[in-house]
Amino acid sequence: HTWGDWKVEMEPTCSSSGWQCRRCSVCFQEETQDLPSNGRHVWDDWVTDRSASYNHSGQQHRSCNLCDAGEFRTLPQKVADSKQRKIINAVGKYFSAAKKYNPKKLNKCFAKKTSGSFFSTSSRKYMVQYLKKQNKDIKYDIQSVSVSGKTATAKVKVTYTDAYKVFYRSFNDAVNYSISHPGISNSAFHNYFSKQLKNNTRRYDVKIRTRTIKFSYKNIKGKWKISKNTLAIRDIANCRYEEAYKDYF
């Protein structure tokens, strides 16, 4: 035979073989030949599973369009400079106080006194105990830190307990109880609310909420303090108590 050049009829891929053929120019007889799989994947774009932050490294993955192959790579943890580290430490102080629900230390994290923002042991001991238990599993991840002179901001991804429904139902129960028992004292009202808080925590699912919250800071006499006492920041420590209170009453 007088063979022509080989012509690829099906390209091999990472997971399957291909084939090629050639023809005789005299009698037109064909000859075929298998082409083994070449192991060359056709990759999708990298997908970020977890962004790198100041608390941990990140991770990305990509998949082959043609087979089940996948690749992973690690994104290096962000490195803070000396100014950013001070803000990171300030953020850490707030979350340390929130996880233990320490009202005194929580209030010290703010530029201005925040009386009433957090429950004191003397006035609402049962709420302090309840929040201590709920806040043990708070998690935070500092996404970005920006410092400009005596002001700074930090964006923090936070996972915390959302007990809005439990609080709302407990308010409803306590108010109905006070209606059926006119003239009860404030202490009796709170005692009943405390009991219903425990009952409703078992009755209703306590949600876990994740959101990114902005912390604004101001440098006061060399110490970084939270300059804006926002509801979102209070929600972390108070498990959305304040929102349930406002919505009910």
Protein backbone atom coordinates (compact mmCIF):
# COMPACT_ATOMS: atom_id res chain seq x y z
CA HIS A 1 0.00 0.00 0.00
CA THR A 2 0.87 3.57 -0.53
CA TRP A 3 -0.22 5.04 2.76
CA GLY A 4 -1.14 8.65 3.31
CA ASP A 5 -0.48 10.54 6.54
CA TRP A 6 -2.22 9.60 9.75
CA LYS A 7 -5.32 11.70 10.49
CA VAL A 8 -6.68 11.94 14.02
CA GLU A 9 -10.40 11.16 13.98
CA MET A 10 -10.93 11.36 17.75
CA GLU A 11 -8.57 13.18 20.09
CA PRO A 12 -7.58 11.28 23.24
CA THR A 13 -8.47 12.88 26.55
CA CYS A 14 -7.43 12.52 30.17
CA SER A 15 -9.81 9.61 30.67
CA SER A 16 -10.51 8.06 27.27
CA SER A 17 -8.47 6.90 24.29
CA GLY A 18 -8.81 8.29 20.78
CA TRP A 19 -8.04 6.92 17.35
CA GLN A 20 -6.51 7.88 14.03
CA CYS A 21 -6.60 6.44 10.54
CA ARG A 22 -4.72 6.52 7.22
CA ARG A 23 -5.72 5.53 3.70
CA CYS A 24 -3.99 3.90 0.81
CA SER A 25 -3.89 6.26 -2.17
CA VAL A 26 -4.12 3.32 -4.59
CA CYS A 27 -6.90 1.09 -3.25
CA PHE A 28 -8.31 3.39 -0.56
CA GLN A 29 -8.06 0.74 2.13
CA GLU A 30 -8.08 2.22 5.65
CA GLU A 31 -5.96 1.38 8.62
CA THR A 32 -6.83 2.54 12.15
CA GLN A 33 -4.76 2.94 15.26
CA ASP A 34 -5.73 3.61 18.87
CA LEU A 35 -4.33 6.63 20.66
CA PRO A 36 -3.92 6.10 24.42
CA SER A 37 -5.45 8.55 26.91
CA ASN A 38 -3.03 11.40 27.46
CA GLY A 39 -3.72 12.31 31.09
CA ARG A 40 -4.14 15.99 30.17
CA HIS A 41 -7.13 17.37 32.10
CA VAL A 42 -9.39 20.20 30.96
CA TRP A 43 -9.66 22.24 34.14
CA ASP A 44 -12.46 24.55 35.23
CA ASP A 45 -11.56 27.83 36.91
CA TRP A 46 -10.40 27.76 40.51
CA VAL A 47 -13.26 28.03 43.04
CA THR A 48 -12.61 29.51 46.48
CA ASP A 49 -13.99 27.30 49.24
CA ARG A 50 -12.58 29.43 52.03
CA SER A 51 -10.95 32.82 51.67
CA ALA A 52 -7.65 33.44 53.36
CA SER A 53 -7.96 35.64 56.42
CA TYR A 54 -5.90 36.88 59.34
CA ASN A 55 -7.01 33.81 61.33
CA HIS A 56 -6.34 30.98 58.90
CA SER A 57 -5.25 30.01 55.40
CA GLY A 58 -7.74 29.67 52.54
CA GLN A 59 -8.52 26.86 50.16
CA GLN A 60 -9.48 26.55 46.49
CA HIS A 61 -10.43 23.65 44.26
CA ARG A 62 -10.96 22.98 40.57
CA SER A 63 -12.42 20.07 38.63
CA CYS A 64 -11.73 18.51 35.27
CA ASN A 65 -14.50 18.97 32.70
CA LEU A 66 -13.98 15.48 31.34
CA CYS A 67 -13.44 13.25 34.35
CA ASP A 68 -13.77 13.14 38.13
CA ALA A 69 -10.29 14.47 38.77
CA GLY A 70 -9.91 17.38 41.14
CA GLU A 71 -7.13 19.57 42.48
CA PHE A 72 -6.82 21.59 45.67
CA ARG A 73 -4.50 24.38 46.67
CA THR A 74 -3.94 26.39 49.83
CA LEU A 75 -4.07 30.18 49.94
CA PRO A 76 -1.58 31.57 52.46
CA GLN A 77 -2.90 33.20 55.62
CA LYS A 78 -2.89 37.01 55.51
CA VAL A 79 0.02 38.63 57.29
CA ALA A 80 -0.73 41.70 59.41
CA ASP A 81 1.63 44.60 59.91
CA SER A 82 2.24 46.15 63.33
CA LYS A 83 -0.72 48.56 63.05
CA GLN A 84 -3.11 45.88 61.89
CA ARG A 85 -2.05 43.55 64.68
CA LYS A 86 -3.26 46.09 67.25
CA ILE A 87 -6.72 46.08 65.67
CA ILE A 88 -6.70 42.28 65.50
CA ASN A 89 -5.91 42.20 69.22
CA ALA A 90 -8.75 44.64 69.92
CA VAL A 91 -11.19 42.47 67.97
CA GLY A 92 -9.96 39.45 69.91
CA LYS A 93 -10.71 41.18 73.23
CA TYR A 94 -14.33 41.73 72.25
CA PHE A 95 -14.84 38.12 71.22
CA SER A 96 -13.09 36.78 74.30
CA ALA A 97 -15.49 38.80 76.47
CA ALA A 98 -18.49 37.80 74.32
CA LYS A 99 -17.73 34.07 74.48
CA LYS A 100 -17.54 34.23 78.29
CA TYR A 101 -20.29 36.88 78.42
CA ASN A 102 -18.37 39.19 80.70
CA PRO A 103 -20.38 42.46 80.76
CA LYS A 104 -17.60 44.53 82.34
CA LYS A 105 -15.04 43.49 79.75
CA LEU A 106 -17.57 43.88 76.93
CA ASN A 107 -18.28 47.48 77.95
CA LYS A 108 -14.55 48.25 78.14
CA CYS A 109 -14.23 47.39 74.44
CA PHE A 110 -16.21 50.51 73.44
CA ALA A 111 -15.16 54.14 73.17
CA LYS A 112 -18.24 55.30 75.10
CA LYS A 113 -19.95 53.76 78.08
CA THR A 114 -22.59 51.36 76.90
CA SER A 115 -24.78 51.02 79.97
CA GLY A 116 -27.79 48.88 79.15
CA SER A 117 -26.23 47.22 76.10
CA PHE A 118 -25.23 44.14 78.08
CA PHE A 119 -26.85 42.45 81.05
CA SER A 120 -25.23 42.81 84.45
CA THR A 121 -25.08 39.97 86.93
CA SER A 122 -26.76 42.09 89.58
CA SER A 123 -29.83 42.99 87.52
CA ARG A 124 -30.34 40.02 85.19
CA LYS A 125 -28.29 37.13 86.49
CA TYR A 126 -30.34 34.51 84.65
CA MET A 127 -29.71 36.26 81.30
CA VAL A 128 -25.97 36.37 81.97
CA GLN A 129 -26.00 32.65 82.73
CA TYR A 130 -28.09 31.88 79.67
CA LEU A 131 -25.80 33.86 77.35
CA LYS A 132 -22.66 32.38 78.87
CA LYS A 133 -23.95 28.97 77.85
CA GLN A 134 -25.06 30.00 74.36
CA ASN A 135 -21.90 31.96 73.51
CA LYS A 136 -19.34 29.24 74.11
CA ASP A 137 -19.36 28.27 70.43
CA ILE A 138 -18.96 31.77 68.95
CA LYS A 139 -16.48 31.73 66.06
CA TYR A 140 -14.93 34.67 64.28
CA ASP A 141 -12.70 35.17 61.28
CA ILE A 142 -11.10 38.55 60.52
CA GLN A 143 -11.43 39.10 56.78
CA SER A 144 -9.86 42.55 56.40
CA VAL A 145 -8.26 45.30 58.49
CA SER A 146 -7.79 48.91 57.46
CA VAL A 147 -5.99 51.53 59.57
CA SER A 148 -5.94 55.26 58.83
CA GLY A 149 -4.43 57.48 61.48
CA LYS A 150 -6.50 57.18 64.65
CA THR A 151 -9.39 55.33 63.03
CA ALA A 152 -9.64 51.79 61.77
CA THR A 153 -12.13 49.23 60.50
CA ALA A 154 -12.22 45.46 60.57
CA LYS A 155 -14.58 43.21 58.66
CA VAL A 156 -15.24 40.06 60.64
CA LYS A 157 -17.13 36.93 59.61
CA VAL A 158 -18.97 35.79 62.72
CA THR A 159 -20.89 32.64 63.62
CA TYR A 160 -23.06 32.97 66.72
CA THR A 161 -26.31 31.81 68.35
CA ASP A 162 -29.55 33.32 67.08
CA ALA A 163 -32.15 32.86 69.83
CA TYR A 164 -34.59 35.45 68.44
CA LYS A 165 -37.53 33.02 68.30
CA VAL A 166 -36.85 31.73 71.81
CA PHE A 167 -36.78 35.26 73.23
CA TYR A 168 -39.87 36.34 71.30
CA ARG A 169 -41.91 33.36 72.48
CA SER A 170 -40.70 33.84 76.04
CA PHE A 171 -41.83 37.49 75.99
CA ASN A 172 -45.22 36.37 74.74
CA ASP A 173 -45.52 33.74 77.48
CA ALA A 174 -44.45 36.14 80.23
CA VAL A 175 -46.82 38.90 79.09
CA ASN A 176 -49.75 36.46 78.97
CA TYR A 177 -48.79 35.28 82.44
CA SER A 178 -48.75 38.86 83.75
CA ILE A 179 -52.17 39.51 82.21
CA SER A 180 -53.62 36.48 83.99
CA HIS A 181 -51.84 37.52 87.20
CA PRO A 182 -52.43 41.28 87.45
CA GLY A 183 -50.23 43.20 89.81
CA ILE A 184 -47.26 40.79 89.77
CA SER A 185 -43.89 42.29 90.60
CA ASN A 186 -41.04 42.80 88.17
CA SER A 187 -39.07 40.06 89.89
CA ALA A 188 -42.00 37.63 89.47
CA PHE A 189 -42.26 38.58 85.80
CA HIS A 190 -38.55 37.94 85.26
CA ASN A 191 -38.66 34.68 87.19
CA TYR A 192 -41.42 33.43 84.91
CA PHE A 193 -39.58 34.71 81.84
CA SER A 194 -36.47 32.84 83.00
CA LYS A 195 -38.40 29.58 83.28
CA GLN A 196 -39.96 30.03 79.86
CA LEU A 197 -36.55 30.82 78.41
CA LYS A 198 -35.36 27.37 79.41
CA ASN A 199 -38.56 25.68 78.22
CA ASN A 200 -38.61 27.45 74.86
CA THR A 201 -34.93 26.70 74.23
CA ARG A 202 -35.85 23.00 74.36
CA ARG A 203 -39.07 23.55 72.40
CA TYR A 204 -37.72 25.65 69.52
CA ASP A 205 -34.58 25.27 67.46
CA VAL A 206 -31.88 27.75 68.34
CA LYS A 207 -30.34 28.80 65.05
CA ILE A 208 -26.69 29.36 64.23
CA ARG A 209 -26.20 32.58 62.31
CA THR A 210 -23.23 33.53 60.15
CA ARG A 211 -22.71 37.05 58.83
CA THR A 212 -19.95 39.55 58.13
CA ILE A 213 -19.96 42.52 60.50
CA LYS A 214 -18.02 45.77 60.31
CA PHE A 215 -16.19 46.93 63.44
CA SER A 216 -15.20 50.61 63.53
CA TYR A 217 -12.39 51.61 65.89
CA LYS A 218 -10.96 54.80 67.35
CA ASN A 219 -7.64 55.24 69.06
CA ILE A 220 -8.19 56.77 72.49
CA LYS A 221 -5.08 57.47 74.56
CA GLY A 222 -3.20 54.70 72.80
CA LYS A 223 -5.98 52.12 73.10
CA TRP A 224 -8.20 50.97 70.26
CA LYS A 225 -11.90 51.07 71.16
CA ILE A 226 -15.04 50.28 69.16
CA SER A 227 -16.36 53.67 68.11
CA LYS A 228 -19.80 52.55 66.87
CA ASN A 229 -21.87 50.41 69.21
CA THR A 230 -24.06 48.88 66.50
CA LEU A 231 -26.95 46.46 66.92
CA ALA A 232 -25.08 43.93 64.77
CA ILE A 233 -22.16 43.95 67.21
CA ARG A 234 -24.46 43.67 70.25
CA ASP A 235 -26.31 40.78 68.56
CA ILE A 236 -23.17 38.66 68.72
CA ALA A 237 -23.05 38.71 72.50
CA ASN A 238 -26.80 39.02 73.14
CA CYS A 239 -28.00 36.34 70.68
CA ARG A 240 -30.47 38.82 69.09
CA TYR A 241 -32.28 39.51 72.37
CA GLU A 242 -32.60 43.22 71.63
CA GLU A 243 -34.25 42.67 68.24
CA ALA A 244 -36.80 40.26 69.73
CA TYR A 245 -37.57 42.75 72.53
CA LYS A 246 -38.11 45.66 70.13
CA ASP A 247 -40.24 43.62 67.74
CA TYR A 248 -42.48 42.28 70.49
CA PHE A 249 -42.98 45.43 72.53
